[in-house]
């Protein structure tokens, strides 16, 4: 059930971006915010990477778009392309799926340095579902502002 809900929200994000040009995907919500659909894709790639690979997988991998660990950097998609952002996001989702499917159970834990505690795979999957759901709400408004499309 956790996998199904998380995959539903991953698919929803992709659907919000379907049929749009790179320029449309980079369109910012409103100044001074740098929020855009492409920025959300980049941010969620970082979220997948951090929670599954770094926390649960124990990998020592840096963030993709910030050498100094600034999660906000991914939101600046001013020069980003669909190909690069979606390529990274899809690769991180595949890493996440492999880690989740290889786990002995949802009780497997990893250390979250930002929180200073061990967290279970179950918590990570719930947290990511929440993260995607919240950002898909942003994506709803962004997409409607671009071309009037709602309900994707």
Protein backbone atom coordinates (compact mmCIF):
# COMPACT_ATOMS: atom_id res chain seq x y z
CA UNK A 1 0.00 0.00 0.00
CA UNK A 2 2.85 2.41 0.84
CA UNK A 3 4.53 1.67 -2.47
CA UNK A 4 1.26 2.20 -4.37
CA UNK A 5 0.57 5.57 -2.77
CA UNK A 6 4.14 6.77 -3.28
CA UNK A 7 4.12 5.64 -6.92
CA UNK A 8 0.75 7.34 -7.43
CA UNK A 9 2.20 10.65 -6.26
CA UNK A 10 5.35 10.18 -8.35
CA UNK A 11 3.14 9.61 -11.41
CA UNK A 12 1.01 12.63 -10.51
CA UNK A 13 4.07 14.89 -10.54
CA UNK A 14 5.10 13.56 -13.95
CA UNK A 15 1.54 14.05 -15.23
CA UNK A 16 1.50 17.67 -14.12
CA UNK A 17 4.51 18.25 -16.39
CA UNK A 18 3.27 16.35 -19.46
CA UNK A 19 3.06 18.26 -22.72
CA UNK A 20 4.93 21.35 -21.51
CA UNK A 21 8.04 22.92 -23.01
CA UNK A 22 11.21 23.52 -21.03
CA UNK A 23 10.26 27.19 -20.90
CA UNK A 24 6.83 26.36 -19.46
CA UNK A 25 8.38 23.98 -16.92
CA UNK A 26 10.77 26.75 -15.79
CA UNK A 27 7.98 29.32 -15.40
CA UNK A 28 8.07 30.67 -11.85
CA UNK A 29 5.00 30.94 -9.67
CA UNK A 30 5.44 34.54 -8.55
CA UNK A 31 8.35 36.77 -7.59
CA UNK A 32 10.41 36.44 -5.50
CA UNK A 33 9.72 32.69 -5.37
CA UNK A 34 11.80 30.48 -7.64
CA UNK A 35 9.12 27.75 -7.49
CA UNK A 36 8.47 26.08 -10.85
CA UNK A 37 7.42 22.65 -12.05
CA UNK A 38 10.98 21.86 -13.10
CA UNK A 39 12.22 23.07 -9.73
CA UNK A 40 9.81 20.67 -8.03
CA UNK A 41 11.11 17.77 -10.12
CA UNK A 42 14.69 18.68 -9.19
CA UNK A 43 13.80 19.10 -5.51
CA UNK A 44 12.03 15.75 -5.38
CA UNK A 45 15.03 14.08 -7.02
CA UNK A 46 17.11 15.42 -4.12
CA UNK A 47 14.50 14.22 -1.61
CA UNK A 48 14.52 10.70 -3.09
CA UNK A 49 18.33 10.69 -3.08
CA UNK A 50 18.62 11.93 0.49
CA UNK A 51 16.04 9.69 2.11
CA UNK A 52 16.55 6.43 0.28
CA UNK A 53 20.22 6.46 -0.74
CA UNK A 54 21.74 8.49 2.07
CA UNK A 55 19.50 7.60 5.01
CA UNK A 56 18.27 4.05 4.34
CA UNK A 57 21.04 2.95 1.97
CA UNK A 58 23.83 4.58 3.97
CA UNK A 59 25.47 5.90 0.79
CA UNK A 60 27.83 8.86 1.04
CA UNK A 61 26.54 10.71 -2.02
CA UNK A 62 26.31 14.49 -2.33
CA UNK A 63 23.23 16.36 -3.40
CA UNK A 64 22.93 16.71 -7.16
CA UNK A 65 22.42 20.47 -7.40
CA UNK A 66 24.27 21.73 -4.33
CA UNK A 67 27.85 21.03 -3.31
CA UNK A 68 27.21 22.49 0.15
CA UNK A 69 24.04 20.51 0.98
CA UNK A 70 21.50 23.29 0.32
CA UNK A 71 18.23 21.55 -0.55
CA UNK A 72 16.77 24.86 -1.73
CA UNK A 73 19.28 25.08 -4.60
CA UNK A 74 17.30 22.51 -6.61
CA UNK A 75 14.36 24.91 -6.85
CA UNK A 76 16.37 27.27 -9.06
CA UNK A 77 15.59 25.73 -12.42
CA UNK A 78 16.24 28.91 -14.39
CA UNK A 79 18.68 27.16 -16.75
CA UNK A 80 17.44 23.60 -16.29
CA UNK A 81 16.08 21.32 -18.97
CA UNK A 82 13.37 18.67 -18.85
CA UNK A 83 15.85 16.06 -20.09
CA UNK A 84 18.37 16.63 -17.31
CA UNK A 85 15.89 17.17 -14.46
CA UNK A 86 13.68 14.21 -15.38
CA UNK A 87 16.71 12.03 -16.10
CA UNK A 88 18.08 12.62 -12.61
CA UNK A 89 14.65 12.31 -10.96
CA UNK A 90 13.85 9.04 -12.73
CA UNK A 91 17.28 7.62 -11.86
CA UNK A 92 16.78 8.52 -8.20
CA UNK A 93 13.29 6.97 -8.17
CA UNK A 94 14.80 3.76 -9.57
CA UNK A 95 17.50 3.78 -6.85
CA UNK A 96 14.76 4.29 -4.26
CA UNK A 97 12.70 1.41 -5.61
CA UNK A 98 15.70 -0.93 -5.58
CA UNK A 99 16.53 -0.01 -1.98
CA UNK A 100 12.93 -0.40 -0.85
CA UNK A 101 12.42 -3.72 -2.63
CA UNK A 102 15.72 -5.16 -1.34
CA UNK A 103 14.92 -4.29 2.28
CA UNK A 104 14.09 -7.19 4.56
CA UNK A 105 11.11 -5.29 5.93
CA UNK A 106 9.68 -1.83 6.47
CA UNK A 107 11.33 -1.91 9.89
CA UNK A 108 14.83 -1.55 8.40
CA UNK A 109 16.36 1.65 9.74
CA UNK A 110 18.89 4.23 8.70
CA UNK A 111 20.36 7.25 10.42
CA UNK A 112 18.96 10.67 9.55
CA UNK A 113 21.68 13.12 10.52
CA UNK A 114 19.41 16.16 10.16
CA UNK A 115 16.97 14.68 12.68
CA UNK A 116 19.69 13.06 14.78
CA UNK A 117 17.92 9.70 14.98
CA UNK A 118 17.31 6.34 13.36
CA UNK A 119 14.27 6.21 11.08
CA UNK A 120 12.51 3.21 9.57
CA UNK A 121 11.91 2.56 5.90
CA UNK A 122 8.19 2.76 6.77
CA UNK A 123 8.65 6.32 8.05
CA UNK A 124 10.70 7.25 4.96
CA UNK A 125 8.00 6.00 2.61
CA UNK A 126 5.30 7.84 4.56
CA UNK A 127 7.41 11.00 4.64
CA UNK A 128 8.01 10.88 0.89
CA UNK A 129 4.32 10.31 0.21
CA UNK A 130 3.61 13.41 2.30
CA UNK A 131 6.37 15.36 0.53
CA UNK A 132 5.04 14.47 -2.92
CA UNK A 133 1.42 15.15 -1.95
CA UNK A 134 2.30 18.61 -0.65
CA UNK A 135 4.37 19.48 -3.70
CA UNK A 136 1.75 18.06 -6.07
CA UNK A 137 -0.59 20.66 -4.60
CA UNK A 138 1.94 23.29 -5.65
CA UNK A 139 2.15 21.61 -9.06
CA UNK A 140 -1.64 21.88 -9.45
CA UNK A 141 -1.47 25.66 -9.15
CA UNK A 142 1.65 25.98 -11.28
CA UNK A 143 0.14 23.95 -14.12
CA UNK A 144 -3.16 25.82 -14.00
CA UNK A 145 -1.22 29.10 -14.21
CA UNK A 146 0.69 27.91 -17.27
CA UNK A 147 -2.13 26.66 -19.50
CA UNK A 148 -5.30 26.37 -17.42
CA UNK A 149 -5.07 22.58 -17.11
CA UNK A 150 -6.53 21.21 -13.90
CA UNK A 151 -7.13 17.72 -12.56
CA UNK A 152 -4.16 15.96 -14.16
